[in-house]
Amino acid sequence: MTIELSDKQKIKLLNSDDVYTVMQGILLREEKIDQEKEHFWMIGLANNNRILYIELVSLGSVNAVTVEPMNVFRVAVLKGAVKAIIAHPSGELKPSDADKDLTDRLIQVGRILNIPVIDHLIISVNSYLSFVDTGLFEQLEDSTKWVPAFELIERIKKEEKKIRDQAVQEEKEKTIKKVVKNARRKGLSVDDIAELTGLTPEEIAKIK
């Protein structure tokens, strides 16, 4: 169920406090949506973090809710969201293992769809917990639990190439330093060294 929002409500979210304020306004409105039940929300954002829509993507029982990634991202794709924030109300602000696992999975699905999830908020009556603010989100971004095997292989290949390129660059810099130092000892001018190495006079001056 998508919440009807006025243009004034489609604000730019600058931080987790903004998200909490917006969600509190929805959760505490007069036409309460089964507040005794577990429910899960998604905020779709434009590139500048302005709200495009807010949707209730899953409504569960009193103590459980099932969230399918397809349902979470369905409206995001249809409405052209480029980022997403997920949120759910709870009397307990400490993330459960299920909360962490779900966030981990949605992060990976968002990457595949090119609609990155940028935070998950657990909201109580008087406060909230942001996965980003606590550092938990960064940990989950590094998780490989839900990463497809082919993507893991690609990541390893990219990392290997990065290491090789770095090693080649470091060796190249060492060689250039030796050339510059030898050229100085032989009395070559800065212009001659620049022509020899392809470096600018400023770059040559930095080599000691």
N, C-alpha and C. Protein backbone atom coordinates (compact mmCIF):
# COMPACT_ATOMS: atom_id res chain seq x y z
N MET A 1 0.83 -1.19 0.00
CA MET A 1 0.00 0.00 0.00
C MET A 1 0.88 1.25 0.00
N THR A 2 0.69 2.11 -0.98
CA THR A 2 1.46 3.34 -1.08
C THR A 2 0.74 4.47 -0.36
N ILE A 3 1.47 5.21 0.46
CA ILE A 3 0.90 6.34 1.20
C ILE A 3 0.79 7.56 0.30
N GLU A 4 -0.36 8.20 0.31
CA GLU A 4 -0.52 9.43 -0.45
C GLU A 4 0.23 10.55 0.23
N LEU A 5 1.12 11.21 -0.50
CA LEU A 5 1.93 12.28 0.05
C LEU A 5 1.68 13.58 -0.72
N SER A 6 1.62 14.67 0.01
CA SER A 6 1.52 15.97 -0.63
C SER A 6 2.91 16.40 -1.08
N ASP A 7 2.98 17.43 -1.92
CA ASP A 7 4.29 17.92 -2.37
C ASP A 7 5.13 18.39 -1.19
N LYS A 8 4.49 18.96 -0.17
CA LYS A 8 5.22 19.43 1.01
C LYS A 8 5.83 18.27 1.79
N GLN A 9 5.19 17.12 1.73
CA GLN A 9 5.71 15.95 2.45
C GLN A 9 6.85 15.27 1.72
N LYS A 10 7.01 15.56 0.44
CA LYS A 10 8.08 14.94 -0.33
C LYS A 10 9.38 15.73 -0.15
N ILE A 11 9.85 15.72 1.09
CA ILE A 11 11.02 16.51 1.46
C ILE A 11 12.31 15.79 1.10
N LYS A 12 13.41 16.51 1.19
CA LYS A 12 14.73 15.93 1.00
C LYS A 12 15.21 15.42 2.35
N LEU A 13 15.58 14.15 2.41
CA LEU A 13 16.04 13.54 3.66
C LEU A 13 17.54 13.74 3.79
N LEU A 14 17.94 14.49 4.82
CA LEU A 14 19.35 14.81 5.01
C LEU A 14 20.03 13.87 6.00
N ASN A 15 19.26 13.26 6.90
CA ASN A 15 19.84 12.37 7.91
C ASN A 15 18.76 11.47 8.49
N SER A 16 19.15 10.62 9.43
CA SER A 16 18.21 9.67 10.02
C SER A 16 17.13 10.36 10.84
N ASP A 17 17.43 11.51 11.41
CA ASP A 17 16.40 12.26 12.15
C ASP A 17 15.25 12.64 11.22
N ASP A 18 15.58 13.04 10.00
CA ASP A 18 14.55 13.39 9.03
C ASP A 18 13.66 12.19 8.72
N VAL A 19 14.30 11.02 8.55
CA VAL A 19 13.54 9.81 8.26
C VAL A 19 12.61 9.48 9.41
N TYR A 20 13.12 9.58 10.62
CA TYR A 20 12.32 9.28 11.83
C TYR A 20 11.11 10.21 11.92
N THR A 21 11.33 11.49 11.67
CA THR A 21 10.24 12.45 11.75
C THR A 21 9.14 12.13 10.73
N VAL A 22 9.56 11.82 9.51
CA VAL A 22 8.59 11.48 8.46
C VAL A 22 7.80 10.22 8.83
N MET A 23 8.51 9.20 9.28
CA MET A 23 7.85 7.94 9.59
C MET A 23 6.95 8.06 10.82
N GLN A 24 7.35 8.85 11.79
CA GLN A 24 6.49 9.07 12.95
C GLN A 24 5.17 9.70 12.53
N GLY A 25 5.23 10.64 11.58
CA GLY A 25 4.01 11.27 11.10
C GLY A 25 3.06 10.29 10.45
N ILE A 26 3.62 9.27 9.81
CA ILE A 26 2.79 8.25 9.16
C ILE A 26 2.26 7.24 10.18
N LEU A 27 3.14 6.78 11.06
CA LEU A 27 2.76 5.75 12.01
C LEU A 27 1.78 6.25 13.07
N LEU A 28 1.79 7.56 13.35
CA LEU A 28 0.92 8.10 14.39
C LEU A 28 -0.30 8.83 13.84
N ARG A 29 -0.51 8.72 12.53
CA ARG A 29 -1.67 9.42 11.98
C ARG A 29 -2.97 8.79 12.47
N GLU A 30 -4.04 9.45 12.27
CA GLU A 30 -5.32 9.00 12.83
C GLU A 30 -5.75 7.65 12.31
N GLU A 31 -5.62 7.43 10.99
CA GLU A 31 -6.05 6.15 10.44
C GLU A 31 -4.93 5.12 10.60
N LYS A 32 -4.71 4.68 11.83
CA LYS A 32 -3.62 3.75 12.16
C LYS A 32 -3.78 2.44 11.41
N ILE A 33 -2.65 1.91 10.90
CA ILE A 33 -2.67 0.67 10.13
C ILE A 33 -2.21 -0.48 11.02
N ASP A 34 -3.13 -1.16 11.63
CA ASP A 34 -2.81 -2.38 12.40
C ASP A 34 -1.53 -2.22 13.20
N GLN A 35 -1.47 -1.22 14.06
CA GLN A 35 -0.23 -0.92 14.77
C GLN A 35 0.21 -2.03 15.72
N GLU A 36 -0.71 -2.93 16.05
CA GLU A 36 -0.32 -4.03 16.93
C GLU A 36 0.42 -5.12 16.16
N LYS A 37 0.45 -5.00 14.83
CA LYS A 37 1.12 -6.00 14.01
C LYS A 37 2.48 -5.49 13.53
N GLU A 38 3.34 -6.45 13.19
CA GLU A 38 4.64 -6.11 12.61
C GLU A 38 4.41 -5.62 11.18
N HIS A 39 5.02 -4.51 10.79
CA HIS A 39 4.94 -4.08 9.41
C HIS A 39 6.23 -3.42 8.96
N PHE A 40 6.39 -3.42 7.66
CA PHE A 40 7.68 -3.07 7.06
C PHE A 40 7.46 -2.04 5.96
N TRP A 41 8.26 -0.97 5.99
CA TRP A 41 8.07 0.15 5.09
C TRP A 41 9.30 0.38 4.21
N MET A 42 9.03 1.00 3.07
CA MET A 42 10.14 1.40 2.20
C MET A 42 9.90 2.83 1.72
N ILE A 43 10.98 3.63 1.78
CA ILE A 43 10.95 5.00 1.27
C ILE A 43 11.78 5.04 0.00
N GLY A 44 11.14 5.38 -1.11
CA GLY A 44 11.86 5.50 -2.38
C GLY A 44 12.33 6.93 -2.56
N LEU A 45 13.57 7.08 -2.99
CA LEU A 45 14.18 8.42 -3.09
C LEU A 45 14.65 8.74 -4.50
N ALA A 46 14.62 10.03 -4.81
CA ALA A 46 15.23 10.52 -6.03
C ALA A 46 16.74 10.65 -5.80
N ASN A 47 17.46 11.04 -6.83
CA ASN A 47 18.92 11.13 -6.73
C ASN A 47 19.39 12.13 -5.68
N ASN A 48 18.57 13.17 -5.44
CA ASN A 48 18.94 14.19 -4.45
C ASN A 48 18.39 13.89 -3.06
N ASN A 49 17.96 12.64 -2.84
CA ASN A 49 17.40 12.17 -1.57
C ASN A 49 16.02 12.74 -1.25
N ARG A 50 15.34 13.28 -2.25
CA ARG A 50 13.97 13.74 -2.04
C ARG A 50 13.02 12.55 -2.12
N ILE A 51 12.04 12.52 -1.23
CA ILE A 51 11.10 11.40 -1.17
C ILE A 51 10.25 11.34 -2.43
N LEU A 52 10.21 10.17 -3.06
CA LEU A 52 9.31 9.94 -4.18
C LEU A 52 8.02 9.28 -3.72
N TYR A 53 8.16 8.35 -2.79
CA TYR A 53 6.99 7.63 -2.27
C TYR A 53 7.35 6.93 -0.96
N ILE A 54 6.34 6.56 -0.21
CA ILE A 54 6.51 5.73 0.98
C ILE A 54 5.48 4.62 0.88
N GLU A 55 5.94 3.37 1.00
CA GLU A 55 5.03 2.25 0.81
C GLU A 55 5.12 1.24 1.96
N LEU A 56 3.97 0.74 2.36
CA LEU A 56 3.91 -0.37 3.28
C LEU A 56 4.04 -1.63 2.44
N VAL A 57 5.18 -2.31 2.53
CA VAL A 57 5.44 -3.44 1.64
C VAL A 57 5.08 -4.78 2.25
N SER A 58 4.92 -4.81 3.57
CA SER A 58 4.55 -6.08 4.19
C SER A 58 3.89 -5.84 5.53
N LEU A 59 2.80 -6.57 5.78
CA LEU A 59 2.08 -6.51 7.05
C LEU A 59 1.98 -7.93 7.58
N GLY A 60 2.53 -8.15 8.78
CA GLY A 60 2.58 -9.50 9.30
C GLY A 60 1.65 -9.74 10.48
N SER A 61 2.09 -10.61 11.36
CA SER A 61 1.32 -10.93 12.55
C SER A 61 1.78 -10.04 13.70
N VAL A 62 1.37 -10.38 14.89
CA VAL A 62 1.73 -9.58 16.06
C VAL A 62 3.24 -9.58 16.31
N ASN A 63 3.91 -10.69 16.03
CA ASN A 63 5.33 -10.77 16.35
C ASN A 63 6.22 -11.21 15.18
N ALA A 64 5.70 -11.18 13.98
CA ALA A 64 6.51 -11.59 12.84
C ALA A 64 6.01 -10.95 11.55
N VAL A 65 6.94 -10.76 10.61
CA VAL A 65 6.58 -10.23 9.31
C VAL A 65 7.48 -10.87 8.26
N THR A 66 6.89 -11.24 7.12
CA THR A 66 7.66 -11.82 6.03
C THR A 66 7.88 -10.76 4.97
N VAL A 67 9.13 -10.56 4.60
CA VAL A 67 9.47 -9.53 3.62
C VAL A 67 10.17 -10.18 2.43
N GLU A 68 9.57 -10.04 1.26
CA GLU A 68 10.15 -10.57 0.04
C GLU A 68 10.81 -9.44 -0.75
N PRO A 69 12.06 -9.59 -1.15
CA PRO A 69 12.75 -8.54 -1.90
C PRO A 69 11.98 -8.07 -3.13
N MET A 70 11.28 -9.00 -3.81
CA MET A 70 10.52 -8.61 -4.99
C MET A 70 9.48 -7.55 -4.65
N ASN A 71 8.80 -7.73 -3.51
CA ASN A 71 7.78 -6.76 -3.10
C ASN A 71 8.41 -5.44 -2.68
N VAL A 72 9.58 -5.52 -2.05
CA VAL A 72 10.25 -4.31 -1.57
C VAL A 72 10.64 -3.41 -2.74
N PHE A 73 11.16 -4.01 -3.82
CA PHE A 73 11.70 -3.22 -4.93
C PHE A 73 10.73 -3.04 -6.09
N ARG A 74 9.59 -3.69 -6.05
CA ARG A 74 8.64 -3.61 -7.16
C ARG A 74 8.25 -2.16 -7.46
N VAL A 75 7.78 -1.44 -6.45
CA VAL A 75 7.35 -0.06 -6.66
C VAL A 75 8.55 0.84 -6.97
N ALA A 76 9.70 0.52 -6.37
CA ALA A 76 10.92 1.32 -6.62
C ALA A 76 11.24 1.32 -8.11
N VAL A 77 11.14 0.17 -8.73
CA VAL A 77 11.42 0.06 -10.17
C VAL A 77 10.36 0.82 -10.97
N LEU A 78 9.09 0.63 -10.62
CA LEU A 78 8.00 1.27 -11.37
C LEU A 78 8.03 2.79 -11.26
N LYS A 79 8.44 3.30 -10.09
CA LYS A 79 8.41 4.75 -9.87
C LYS A 79 9.76 5.43 -10.08
N GLY A 80 10.72 4.67 -10.53
CA GLY A 80 12.01 5.27 -10.88
C GLY A 80 12.84 5.72 -9.70
N ALA A 81 12.69 5.07 -8.55
CA ALA A 81 13.52 5.41 -7.39
C ALA A 81 14.97 5.01 -7.67
N VAL A 82 15.91 5.81 -7.21
CA VAL A 82 17.32 5.49 -7.41
C VAL A 82 18.02 5.11 -6.10
N LYS A 83 17.31 5.31 -4.98
CA LYS A 83 17.81 4.91 -3.67
C LYS A 83 16.62 4.49 -2.81
N ALA A 84 16.91 3.79 -1.72
CA ALA A 84 15.81 3.37 -0.85
C ALA A 84 16.25 3.34 0.61
N ILE A 85 15.30 3.63 1.48
CA ILE A 85 15.50 3.48 2.92
C ILE A 85 14.40 2.54 3.42
N ILE A 86 14.75 1.59 4.24
CA ILE A 86 13.77 0.67 4.79
C ILE A 86 13.57 0.97 6.27
N ALA A 87 12.37 0.70 6.76
CA ALA A 87 12.06 1.02 8.16
C ALA A 87 10.97 0.10 8.68
N HIS A 88 11.04 -0.19 9.97
CA HIS A 88 9.93 -0.92 10.58
C HIS A 88 9.81 -0.53 12.05
N PRO A 89 8.57 -0.38 12.54
CA PRO A 89 8.35 -0.05 13.94
C PRO A 89 8.55 -1.27 14.83
N SER A 90 9.05 -1.05 16.02
CA SER A 90 9.27 -2.15 16.96
C SER A 90 9.41 -1.60 18.37
N GLY A 91 9.00 -2.39 19.35
CA GLY A 91 9.18 -1.98 20.73
C GLY A 91 10.60 -2.20 21.21
N GLU A 92 11.38 -2.94 20.43
CA GLU A 92 12.77 -3.25 20.78
C GLU A 92 13.70 -2.66 19.73
N LEU A 93 14.55 -1.72 20.15
CA LEU A 93 15.43 -1.04 19.20
C LEU A 93 16.69 -1.84 18.86
N LYS A 94 16.98 -2.88 19.61
CA LYS A 94 18.14 -3.70 19.31
C LYS A 94 17.84 -4.57 18.10
N PRO A 95 18.65 -4.48 17.03
CA PRO A 95 18.38 -5.28 15.83
C PRO A 95 18.50 -6.77 16.12
N SER A 96 17.53 -7.53 15.68
CA SER A 96 17.59 -8.97 15.82
C SER A 96 18.45 -9.56 14.71
N ASP A 97 18.78 -10.85 14.84
CA ASP A 97 19.53 -11.51 13.77
C ASP A 97 18.72 -11.49 12.47
N ALA A 98 17.40 -11.62 12.61
CA ALA A 98 16.53 -11.59 11.43
C ALA A 98 16.57 -10.21 10.77
N ASP A 99 16.60 -9.15 11.57
CA ASP A 99 16.69 -7.78 11.03
C ASP A 99 17.98 -7.60 10.24
N LYS A 100 19.07 -8.09 10.81
CA LYS A 100 20.37 -7.96 10.15
C LYS A 100 20.41 -8.76 8.85
N ASP A 101 19.88 -9.98 8.91
CA ASP A 101 19.91 -10.84 7.74
C ASP A 101 19.06 -10.25 6.61
N LEU A 102 17.90 -9.73 6.96
CA LEU A 102 17.03 -9.12 5.96
C LEU A 102 17.71 -7.90 5.32
N THR A 103 18.32 -7.07 6.14
CA THR A 103 19.00 -5.88 5.63
C THR A 103 20.14 -6.28 4.70
N ASP A 104 20.90 -7.27 5.11
CA ASP A 104 22.00 -7.80 4.30
C ASP A 104 21.47 -8.22 2.93
N ARG A 105 20.38 -8.97 2.93
CA ARG A 105 19.83 -9.47 1.67
C ARG A 105 19.33 -8.34 0.78
N LEU A 106 18.65 -7.37 1.38
CA LEU A 106 18.11 -6.26 0.59
C LEU A 106 19.22 -5.36 0.03
N ILE A 107 20.31 -5.23 0.78
CA ILE A 107 21.46 -4.47 0.27
C ILE A 107 21.96 -5.10 -1.03
N GLN A 108 22.08 -6.43 -1.03
CA GLN A 108 22.60 -7.12 -2.21
C GLN A 108 21.63 -7.05 -3.38
N VAL A 109 20.32 -7.20 -3.11
CA VAL A 109 19.33 -7.11 -4.19
C VAL A 109 19.32 -5.69 -4.76
N GLY A 110 19.43 -4.69 -3.89
CA GLY A 110 19.47 -3.31 -4.33
C GLY A 110 20.66 -3.04 -5.24
N ARG A 111 21.79 -3.66 -4.94
CA ARG A 111 22.97 -3.50 -5.79
C ARG A 111 22.72 -4.07 -7.17
N ILE A 112 22.09 -5.23 -7.23
CA ILE A 112 21.81 -5.88 -8.51
C ILE A 112 20.88 -5.01 -9.36
N LEU A 113 19.88 -4.41 -8.71
CA LEU A 113 18.89 -3.59 -9.42
C LEU A 113 19.37 -2.15 -9.62
N ASN A 114 20.54 -1.83 -9.07
CA ASN A 114 21.06 -0.46 -9.12
C ASN A 114 20.14 0.52 -8.40
N ILE A 115 19.52 0.04 -7.32
CA ILE A 115 18.72 0.89 -6.43
C ILE A 115 19.24 0.65 -5.01
N PRO A 116 20.36 1.27 -4.65
CA PRO A 116 20.99 0.96 -3.37
C PRO A 116 20.13 1.31 -2.16
N VAL A 117 20.08 0.39 -1.22
CA VAL A 117 19.49 0.66 0.09
C VAL A 117 20.52 1.43 0.88
N ILE A 118 20.15 2.58 1.46
CA ILE A 118 21.14 3.43 2.13
C ILE A 118 20.97 3.48 3.65
N ASP A 119 19.91 2.90 4.19
CA ASP A 119 19.76 2.83 5.64
C ASP A 119 18.57 1.96 6.00
N HIS A 120 18.55 1.50 7.24
CA HIS A 120 17.42 0.77 7.80
C HIS A 120 17.18 1.34 9.20
N LEU A 121 15.96 1.79 9.43
CA LEU A 121 15.60 2.35 10.74
C LEU A 121 14.62 1.44 11.47
N ILE A 122 14.91 1.18 12.73
CA ILE A 122 13.95 0.53 13.62
C ILE A 122 13.36 1.65 14.47
N ILE A 123 12.04 1.74 14.49
CA ILE A 123 11.38 2.90 15.10
C ILE A 123 10.50 2.47 16.26
N SER A 124 10.69 3.11 17.42
CA SER A 124 9.81 2.90 18.56
C SER A 124 8.95 4.15 18.75
N VAL A 125 8.16 4.15 19.79
CA VAL A 125 7.27 5.29 20.03
C VAL A 125 8.06 6.57 20.26
N ASN A 126 9.16 6.48 21.00
CA ASN A 126 9.89 7.69 21.39
C ASN A 126 11.29 7.82 20.81
N SER A 127 11.74 6.82 20.06
CA SER A 127 13.11 6.89 19.57
C SER A 127 13.28 6.00 18.34
N TYR A 128 14.51 5.84 17.89
CA TYR A 128 14.79 5.00 16.73
C TYR A 128 16.24 4.55 16.75
N LEU A 129 16.54 3.56 15.94
CA LEU A 129 17.91 3.11 15.73
C LEU A 129 18.18 3.09 14.24
N SER A 130 19.26 3.74 13.83
CA SER A 130 19.68 3.75 12.42
C SER A 130 20.85 2.80 12.25
N PHE A 131 20.73 1.88 11.30
CA PHE A 131 21.83 0.96 11.03
C PHE A 131 23.08 1.71 10.59
N VAL A 132 22.90 2.82 9.86
CA VAL A 132 24.05 3.61 9.40
C VAL A 132 24.73 4.30 10.58
N ASP A 133 23.94 4.95 11.42
CA ASP A 133 24.50 5.70 12.55
C ASP A 133 25.27 4.81 13.51
N THR A 134 24.85 3.56 13.66
CA THR A 134 25.51 2.65 14.60
C THR A 134 26.70 1.91 13.98
N GLY A 135 26.90 2.07 12.68
CA GLY A 135 28.00 1.38 12.00
C GLY A 135 27.63 -0.02 11.53
N LEU A 136 26.43 -0.47 11.86
CA LEU A 136 26.02 -1.82 11.47
C LEU A 136 25.82 -1.95 9.97
N PHE A 137 25.34 -0.88 9.35
CA PHE A 137 25.08 -0.92 7.92
C PHE A 137 26.37 -1.16 7.14
N GLU A 138 27.43 -0.49 7.54
CA GLU A 138 28.72 -0.66 6.86
C GLU A 138 29.21 -2.09 6.96
N GLN A 139 28.99 -2.71 8.12
CA GLN A 139 29.38 -4.11 8.30
C GLN A 139 28.61 -5.01 7.35
N LEU A 140 27.31 -4.75 7.23
CA LEU A 140 26.47 -5.58 6.37
C LEU A 140 26.81 -5.38 4.90
N GLU A 141 27.23 -4.17 4.53
CA GLU A 141 27.63 -3.92 3.15
C GLU A 141 28.83 -4.78 2.76
N ASP A 142 29.67 -5.10 3.74
CA ASP A 142 30.86 -5.92 3.48
C ASP A 142 30.56 -7.41 3.52
N SER A 143 29.35 -7.77 3.93
CA SER A 143 28.97 -9.18 4.04
C SER A 143 28.89 -9.81 2.66
N THR A 144 29.20 -11.10 2.59
CA THR A 144 29.10 -11.82 1.32
C THR A 144 28.06 -12.95 1.39
N LYS A 145 27.27 -12.96 2.45
CA LYS A 145 26.32 -14.05 2.65
C LYS A 145 25.34 -14.19 1.49
N TRP A 146 24.83 -13.05 1.01
CA TRP A 146 23.81 -13.09 -0.05
C TRP A 146 24.37 -12.69 -1.41
N VAL A 147 25.67 -12.59 -1.51
CA VAL A 147 26.29 -12.22 -2.79
C VAL A 147 26.36 -13.46 -3.68
N PRO A 148 25.85 -13.40 -4.92
CA PRO A 148 25.94 -14.55 -5.83
C PRO A 148 27.38 -14.96 -6.07
N ALA A 149 27.59 -16.26 -6.27
CA ALA A 149 28.95 -16.78 -6.44
C ALA A 149 29.69 -16.11 -7.59
N PHE A 150 28.98 -15.86 -8.70
CA PHE A 150 29.64 -15.24 -9.85
C PHE A 150 30.14 -13.84 -9.52
N GLU A 151 29.38 -13.13 -8.66
CA GLU A 151 29.80 -11.78 -8.29
C GLU A 151 31.01 -11.82 -7.37
N LEU A 152 31.06 -12.83 -6.49
CA LEU A 152 32.23 -12.99 -5.61
C LEU A 152 33.48 -13.22 -6.45
N ILE A 153 33.35 -14.04 -7.49
CA ILE A 153 34.48 -14.31 -8.36
C ILE A 153 34.94 -13.03 -9.04
N GLU A 154 33.97 -12.23 -9.51
CA GLU A 154 34.31 -10.96 -10.16
C GLU A 154 35.00 -10.01 -9.19
N ARG A 155 34.52 -9.99 -7.95
CA ARG A 155 35.13 -9.12 -6.93
C ARG A 155 36.58 -9.52 -6.69
N ILE A 156 36.81 -10.84 -6.61
CA ILE A 156 38.17 -11.33 -6.36
C ILE A 156 39.08 -10.96 -7.54
N LYS A 157 38.56 -11.12 -8.76
CA LYS A 157 39.34 -10.77 -9.94
C LYS A 157 39.69 -9.29 -9.95
N LYS A 158 38.71 -8.45 -9.61
CA LYS A 158 38.94 -7.00 -9.59
C LYS A 158 39.98 -6.64 -8.53
N GLU A 159 39.88 -7.31 -7.37
CA GLU A 159 40.83 -7.03 -6.30
C GLU A 159 42.24 -7.46 -6.69
N GLU A 160 42.33 -8.62 -7.34
CA GLU A 160 43.63 -9.09 -7.82
C GLU A 160 44.23 -8.12 -8.83
N LYS A 161 43.41 -7.65 -9.76
CA LYS A 161 43.88 -6.69 -10.77
C LYS A 161 44.32 -5.39 -10.11
N LYS A 162 43.56 -4.97 -9.11
CA LYS A 162 43.91 -3.74 -8.39
C LYS A 162 45.27 -3.88 -7.73
N ILE A 163 45.52 -5.03 -7.11
CA ILE A 163 46.80 -5.28 -6.43
C ILE A 163 47.94 -5.30 -7.45
N ARG A 164 47.69 -5.98 -8.58
CA ARG A 164 48.72 -6.05 -9.62
C ARG A 164 49.04 -4.65 -10.17
N ASP A 165 47.97 -3.89 -10.48
CA ASP A 165 48.16 -2.54 -11.02
C ASP A 165 48.91 -1.66 -10.04
N GLN A 166 48.59 -1.83 -8.77
CA GLN A 166 49.26 -1.03 -7.75
C GLN A 166 50.74 -1.39 -7.67
N ALA A 167 51.02 -2.69 -7.76
CA ALA A 167 52.42 -3.14 -7.71
C ALA A 167 53.19 -2.62 -8.91
N VAL A 168 52.56 -2.65 -10.08
CA VAL A 168 53.20 -2.14 -11.30
C VAL A 168 53.47 -0.65 -11.18
N GLN A 169 52.48 0.09 -10.65
CA GLN A 169 52.63 1.53 -10.49
C GLN A 169 53.74 1.87 -9.51
N GLU A 170 53.80 1.12 -8.39
CA GLU A 170 54.85 1.36 -7.40
C GLU A 170 56.23 1.11 -8.00
N GLU A 171 56.34 0.03 -8.79
CA GLU A 171 57.62 -0.30 -9.42
C GLU A 171 58.01 0.77 -10.44
N LYS A 172 57.00 1.27 -11.16
CA LYS A 172 57.23 2.33 -12.15
C LYS A 172 57.74 3.60 -11.47
N GLU A 173 57.13 3.94 -10.32
CA GLU A 173 57.53 5.14 -9.59
C GLU A 173 58.96 5.00 -9.06
N LYS A 174 59.31 3.79 -8.59
CA LYS A 174 60.67 3.56 -8.11
C LYS A 174 61.69 3.74 -9.24
N THR A 175 61.34 3.20 -10.41
CA THR A 175 62.24 3.30 -11.57
C THR A 175 62.43 4.75 -11.98
N ILE A 176 61.33 5.51 -12.01
CA ILE A 176 61.40 6.92 -12.40
C ILE A 176 62.26 7.71 -11.41
N LYS A 177 62.11 7.40 -10.12
CA LYS A 177 62.92 8.09 -9.10
C LYS A 177 64.41 7.83 -9.33
N LYS A 178 64.75 6.58 -9.65
CA LYS A 178 66.15 6.24 -9.91
C LYS A 178 66.67 7.00 -11.12
N VAL A 179 65.84 7.08 -12.17
CA VAL A 179 66.24 7.79 -13.39
C VAL A 179 66.48 9.26 -13.10
N VAL A 180 65.56 9.87 -12.33
CA VAL A 180 65.69 11.29 -12.00
C VAL A 180 66.95 11.55 -11.20
N LYS A 181 67.21 10.70 -10.19
CA LYS A 181 68.38 10.88 -9.33
C LYS A 181 69.67 10.71 -10.13
N ASN A 182 69.70 9.71 -11.03
CA ASN A 182 70.89 9.50 -11.87
C ASN A 182 71.10 10.68 -12.81
N ALA A 183 69.99 11.20 -13.35
CA ALA A 183 70.08 12.33 -14.28
C ALA A 183 70.61 13.57 -13.57
N ARG A 184 70.21 13.77 -12.33
CA ARG A 184 70.70 14.91 -11.55
C ARG A 184 72.19 14.78 -11.30
N ARG A 185 72.62 13.56 -10.97
CA ARG A 185 74.05 13.34 -10.70
C ARG A 185 74.89 13.61 -11.93
N LYS A 186 74.30 13.37 -13.09
CA LYS A 186 75.02 13.59 -14.35
C LYS A 186 74.92 15.03 -14.81
N GLY A 187 74.18 15.86 -14.05
CA GLY A 187 74.11 17.27 -14.36
C GLY A 187 73.07 17.66 -15.39
N LEU A 188 72.13 16.79 -15.68
CA LEU A 188 71.10 17.14 -16.65
C LEU A 188 70.18 18.22 -16.09
N SER A 189 69.67 19.06 -16.96
CA SER A 189 68.76 20.12 -16.54
C SER A 189 67.37 19.55 -16.28
N VAL A 190 66.54 20.37 -15.62
CA VAL A 190 65.17 19.96 -15.33
C VAL A 190 64.42 19.68 -16.63
N ASP A 191 64.66 20.53 -17.65
CA ASP A 191 63.98 20.33 -18.94
C ASP A 191 64.39 19.01 -19.58
N ASP A 192 65.70 18.68 -19.46
CA ASP A 192 66.17 17.42 -20.03
C ASP A 192 65.55 16.23 -19.30
N ILE A 193 65.47 16.35 -17.96
CA ILE A 193 64.88 15.26 -17.17
C ILE A 193 63.39 15.11 -17.49
N ALA A 194 62.72 16.25 -17.68
CA ALA A 194 61.29 16.22 -18.01
C ALA A 194 61.07 15.51 -19.34
N GLU A 195 61.95 15.81 -20.32
CA GLU A 195 61.82 15.17 -21.63
C GLU A 195 62.12 13.68 -21.53
N LEU A 196 63.05 13.33 -20.67
CA LEU A 196 63.47 11.94 -20.51
C LEU A 196 62.39 11.10 -19.82
N THR A 197 61.74 11.67 -18.80
CA THR A 197 60.81 10.90 -17.97
C THR A 197 59.34 11.17 -18.26
N GLY A 198 59.04 12.30 -18.90
CA GLY A 198 57.65 12.64 -19.13
C GLY A 198 57.01 13.33 -17.94
N LEU A 199 57.81 13.64 -16.91
CA LEU A 199 57.30 14.33 -15.72
C LEU A 199 57.32 15.83 -15.93
N THR A 200 56.50 16.53 -15.16
CA THR A 200 56.52 17.99 -15.18
C THR A 200 57.62 18.47 -14.23
N PRO A 201 58.08 19.71 -14.39
CA PRO A 201 59.09 20.25 -13.46
C PRO A 201 58.62 20.18 -12.01
N GLU A 202 57.34 20.39 -11.79
CA GLU A 202 56.81 20.32 -10.43
C GLU A 202 56.94 18.91 -9.86
N GLU A 203 56.64 17.92 -10.67
CA GLU A 203 56.74 16.53 -10.22
C GLU A 203 58.19 16.16 -9.96
N ILE A 204 59.08 16.64 -10.81
CA ILE A 204 60.52 16.35 -10.64
C ILE A 204 61.03 16.97 -9.34
N ALA A 205 60.56 18.18 -9.03
CA ALA A 205 61.02 18.88 -7.82
C ALA A 205 60.64 18.11 -6.55
N LYS A 206 59.58 17.34 -6.61
CA LYS A 206 59.11 16.60 -5.43
C LYS A 206 59.94 15.36 -5.15
N ILE A 207 60.71 14.92 -6.14
CA ILE A 207 61.53 13.71 -5.96
C ILE A 207 62.82 14.08 -5.26
N LYS A 208 63.03 13.49 -4.11
CA LYS A 208 64.24 13.78 -3.31
C LYS A 208 65.21 12.61 -3.37
